[in-house]
Amino acid sequence: MPLFKKRTVGKPGEWYYCLEHKKVEEGPDCPGKDRFGPYASRTEAESAMQTARERNLQWENDPRWHDAPAGERDDG
């Protein structure tokens, strides 16, 4: 008997964006490695890629995510 049962049917109201099929799905139809979510609404899931782009841009421009070159650290 498996310790964890694979959930094949999602809960109503759980929305995901499948990265492989490039579509919104209600419930986790595809493996976790291929999806973003869960989202509270279909609309949120539809904008998953735009949200990811915006967050990536914020992280790329956040100085806390970039290591200073050796000898140039400002530890305050």
N, C-alpha and C. Protein backbone atom coordinates (compact mmCIF):
# COMPACT_ATOMS: atom_id res chain seq x y z
N MET A 1 0.85 -1.18 0.00
CA MET A 1 0.00 0.00 0.00
C MET A 1 0.89 1.24 0.00
N PRO A 2 0.70 2.13 -0.93
CA PRO A 2 1.54 3.33 -0.99
C PRO A 2 1.29 4.24 0.20
N LEU A 3 2.35 4.90 0.61
CA LEU A 3 2.25 5.82 1.73
C LEU A 3 1.46 7.07 1.34
N PHE A 4 1.71 7.57 0.13
CA PHE A 4 1.01 8.74 -0.35
C PHE A 4 0.23 8.36 -1.60
N LYS A 5 -1.01 8.70 -1.63
CA LYS A 5 -1.84 8.40 -2.79
C LYS A 5 -1.79 9.59 -3.75
N LYS A 6 -1.55 9.32 -5.00
CA LYS A 6 -1.51 10.38 -6.00
C LYS A 6 -2.92 10.93 -6.20
N ARG A 7 -3.04 12.22 -6.04
CA ARG A 7 -4.33 12.87 -6.22
C ARG A 7 -4.53 13.16 -7.70
N THR A 8 -5.56 12.56 -8.26
CA THR A 8 -5.78 12.74 -9.69
C THR A 8 -6.87 13.75 -9.99
N VAL A 9 -7.71 14.03 -9.02
CA VAL A 9 -8.80 14.98 -9.23
C VAL A 9 -8.60 16.15 -8.28
N GLY A 10 -8.68 17.35 -8.81
CA GLY A 10 -8.50 18.53 -7.99
C GLY A 10 -9.76 18.92 -7.24
N LYS A 11 -9.58 19.81 -6.33
CA LYS A 11 -10.72 20.35 -5.60
C LYS A 11 -11.37 21.45 -6.43
N PRO A 12 -12.68 21.55 -6.39
CA PRO A 12 -13.33 22.67 -7.08
C PRO A 12 -12.80 23.99 -6.55
N GLY A 13 -12.49 24.89 -7.45
CA GLY A 13 -11.97 26.19 -7.04
C GLY A 13 -10.46 26.27 -7.00
N GLU A 14 -9.75 25.16 -7.20
CA GLU A 14 -8.29 25.19 -7.30
C GLU A 14 -7.94 25.35 -8.78
N TRP A 15 -7.25 26.41 -9.09
CA TRP A 15 -6.88 26.68 -10.48
C TRP A 15 -5.37 26.64 -10.63
N TYR A 16 -4.89 26.08 -11.72
CA TYR A 16 -3.47 25.94 -11.99
C TYR A 16 -3.19 26.39 -13.42
N TYR A 17 -1.94 26.79 -13.66
CA TYR A 17 -1.51 27.08 -15.02
C TYR A 17 -0.50 26.01 -15.38
N CYS A 18 -0.79 25.23 -16.42
CA CYS A 18 0.10 24.16 -16.86
C CYS A 18 1.15 24.75 -17.80
N LEU A 19 2.42 24.59 -17.43
CA LEU A 19 3.52 25.13 -18.22
C LEU A 19 3.75 24.33 -19.49
N GLU A 20 3.44 23.04 -19.46
CA GLU A 20 3.66 22.21 -20.63
C GLU A 20 2.58 22.43 -21.69
N HIS A 21 1.33 22.47 -21.27
CA HIS A 21 0.22 22.63 -22.21
C HIS A 21 -0.17 24.09 -22.44
N LYS A 22 0.40 24.98 -21.60
CA LYS A 22 0.13 26.41 -21.70
C LYS A 22 -1.37 26.72 -21.63
N LYS A 23 -1.99 26.15 -20.60
CA LYS A 23 -3.42 26.38 -20.42
C LYS A 23 -3.78 26.32 -18.94
N VAL A 24 -4.92 26.87 -18.62
CA VAL A 24 -5.44 26.89 -17.26
C VAL A 24 -6.22 25.60 -17.03
N GLU A 25 -6.02 25.01 -15.83
CA GLU A 25 -6.72 23.78 -15.48
C GLU A 25 -7.37 23.95 -14.11
N GLU A 26 -8.55 23.39 -13.96
CA GLU A 26 -9.16 23.35 -12.63
C GLU A 26 -8.74 22.02 -12.00
N GLY A 27 -8.05 22.11 -10.91
CA GLY A 27 -7.52 20.91 -10.28
C GLY A 27 -6.18 20.55 -10.87
N PRO A 28 -5.38 19.79 -10.14
CA PRO A 28 -4.04 19.44 -10.63
C PRO A 28 -4.09 18.28 -11.62
N ASP A 29 -4.31 18.57 -12.89
CA ASP A 29 -4.32 17.52 -13.91
C ASP A 29 -2.92 17.09 -14.30
N CYS A 30 -1.98 18.01 -14.27
CA CYS A 30 -0.61 17.72 -14.68
C CYS A 30 0.30 17.64 -13.44
N PRO A 31 1.48 17.02 -13.59
CA PRO A 31 2.41 16.91 -12.45
C PRO A 31 2.82 18.28 -11.91
N GLY A 32 3.16 18.32 -10.64
CA GLY A 32 3.54 19.56 -9.98
C GLY A 32 4.70 20.27 -10.64
N LYS A 33 5.63 19.52 -11.23
CA LYS A 33 6.79 20.15 -11.88
C LYS A 33 6.41 20.94 -13.12
N ASP A 34 5.20 20.71 -13.62
CA ASP A 34 4.76 21.36 -14.85
C ASP A 34 3.69 22.41 -14.64
N ARG A 35 3.51 22.87 -13.41
CA ARG A 35 2.41 23.82 -13.19
C ARG A 35 2.73 24.87 -12.15
N PHE A 36 2.03 25.99 -12.26
CA PHE A 36 2.02 27.05 -11.25
C PHE A 36 0.67 26.97 -10.56
N GLY A 37 0.64 27.25 -9.27
CA GLY A 37 -0.64 27.29 -8.56
C GLY A 37 -0.55 26.57 -7.24
N PRO A 38 -1.62 26.48 -6.54
CA PRO A 38 -2.98 26.81 -6.95
C PRO A 38 -3.29 28.30 -6.82
N TYR A 39 -4.22 28.73 -7.62
CA TYR A 39 -4.72 30.09 -7.60
C TYR A 39 -6.18 30.05 -7.16
N ALA A 40 -6.65 31.14 -6.60
CA ALA A 40 -8.02 31.22 -6.08
C ALA A 40 -9.05 31.35 -7.19
N SER A 41 -8.64 31.84 -8.36
CA SER A 41 -9.61 32.03 -9.44
C SER A 41 -8.97 31.69 -10.78
N ARG A 42 -9.82 31.46 -11.75
CA ARG A 42 -9.35 31.20 -13.12
C ARG A 42 -8.58 32.40 -13.66
N THR A 43 -9.07 33.59 -13.35
CA THR A 43 -8.43 34.82 -13.83
C THR A 43 -6.99 34.92 -13.32
N GLU A 44 -6.78 34.61 -12.03
CA GLU A 44 -5.42 34.65 -11.48
C GLU A 44 -4.53 33.63 -12.20
N ALA A 45 -5.05 32.44 -12.44
CA ALA A 45 -4.27 31.41 -13.13
C ALA A 45 -3.93 31.83 -14.56
N GLU A 46 -4.86 32.51 -15.21
CA GLU A 46 -4.62 32.97 -16.59
C GLU A 46 -3.49 33.97 -16.66
N SER A 47 -3.28 34.73 -15.60
CA SER A 47 -2.20 35.72 -15.59
C SER A 47 -0.94 35.22 -14.89
N ALA A 48 -0.82 33.91 -14.72
CA ALA A 48 0.32 33.33 -14.01
C ALA A 48 1.66 33.69 -14.64
N MET A 49 1.75 33.64 -15.96
CA MET A 49 3.03 33.93 -16.61
C MET A 49 3.40 35.40 -16.47
N GLN A 50 2.44 36.30 -16.55
CA GLN A 50 2.71 37.73 -16.36
C GLN A 50 3.15 37.99 -14.92
N THR A 51 2.49 37.35 -13.97
CA THR A 51 2.87 37.49 -12.56
C THR A 51 4.30 37.00 -12.36
N ALA A 52 4.66 35.87 -12.96
CA ALA A 52 6.01 35.33 -12.84
C ALA A 52 7.04 36.28 -13.45
N ARG A 53 6.72 36.86 -14.61
CA ARG A 53 7.65 37.82 -15.23
C ARG A 53 7.88 39.03 -14.33
N GLU A 54 6.80 39.56 -13.76
CA GLU A 54 6.91 40.72 -12.88
C GLU A 54 7.74 40.40 -11.64
N ARG A 55 7.51 39.24 -11.04
CA ARG A 55 8.27 38.85 -9.85
C ARG A 55 9.73 38.62 -10.18
N ASN A 56 10.01 37.99 -11.32
CA ASN A 56 11.40 37.78 -11.72
C ASN A 56 12.12 39.10 -11.91
N LEU A 57 11.46 40.07 -12.51
CA LEU A 57 12.06 41.39 -12.71
C LEU A 57 12.35 42.06 -11.37
N GLN A 58 11.43 41.94 -10.43
CA GLN A 58 11.66 42.51 -9.10
C GLN A 58 12.86 41.86 -8.44
N TRP A 59 12.96 40.54 -8.52
CA TRP A 59 14.07 39.84 -7.89
C TRP A 59 15.39 40.17 -8.56
N GLU A 60 15.39 40.29 -9.89
CA GLU A 60 16.62 40.62 -10.60
C GLU A 60 17.14 42.00 -10.22
N ASN A 61 16.25 42.90 -9.84
CA ASN A 61 16.66 44.26 -9.49
C ASN A 61 16.76 44.48 -7.99
N ASP A 62 16.60 43.44 -7.20
CA ASP A 62 16.69 43.55 -5.74
C ASP A 62 18.13 43.31 -5.31
N PRO A 63 18.78 44.30 -4.73
CA PRO A 63 20.20 44.15 -4.36
C PRO A 63 20.43 43.06 -3.32
N ARG A 64 19.41 42.68 -2.58
CA ARG A 64 19.59 41.62 -1.57
C ARG A 64 19.82 40.26 -2.21
N TRP A 65 19.49 40.10 -3.49
CA TRP A 65 19.65 38.82 -4.16
C TRP A 65 20.98 38.71 -4.90
N HIS A 66 21.78 39.75 -4.88
CA HIS A 66 23.05 39.74 -5.60
C HIS A 66 24.20 39.80 -4.60
N ASP A 67 25.11 38.88 -4.72
CA ASP A 67 26.29 38.88 -3.85
C ASP A 67 27.26 39.93 -4.33
N ALA A 68 27.80 40.69 -3.39
CA ALA A 68 28.82 41.68 -3.73
C ALA A 68 30.12 40.96 -4.02
N PRO A 69 30.91 41.45 -4.97
CA PRO A 69 32.23 40.83 -5.23
C PRO A 69 33.07 40.84 -3.97
N ALA A 70 33.99 39.90 -3.88
CA ALA A 70 34.87 39.78 -2.70
C ALA A 70 35.57 41.10 -2.42
N GLY A 71 35.58 41.50 -1.18
CA GLY A 71 36.25 42.73 -0.78
C GLY A 71 35.37 43.97 -0.90
N GLU A 72 34.18 43.84 -1.46
CA GLU A 72 33.30 45.00 -1.65
C GLU A 72 32.02 44.90 -0.82
N ARG A 73 32.00 44.01 0.15
CA ARG A 73 30.80 43.84 0.94
C ARG A 73 30.62 44.98 1.92
N ASP A 74 29.40 45.37 2.09
CA ASP A 74 29.06 46.43 3.04
C ASP A 74 28.18 45.80 4.11
N ASP A 75 28.82 45.27 5.16
CA ASP A 75 28.07 44.58 6.20
C ASP A 75 27.50 45.55 7.23
N GLY A 76 27.68 46.79 7.02
CA GLY A 76 27.09 47.82 7.84
C GLY A 76 27.70 47.91 9.16
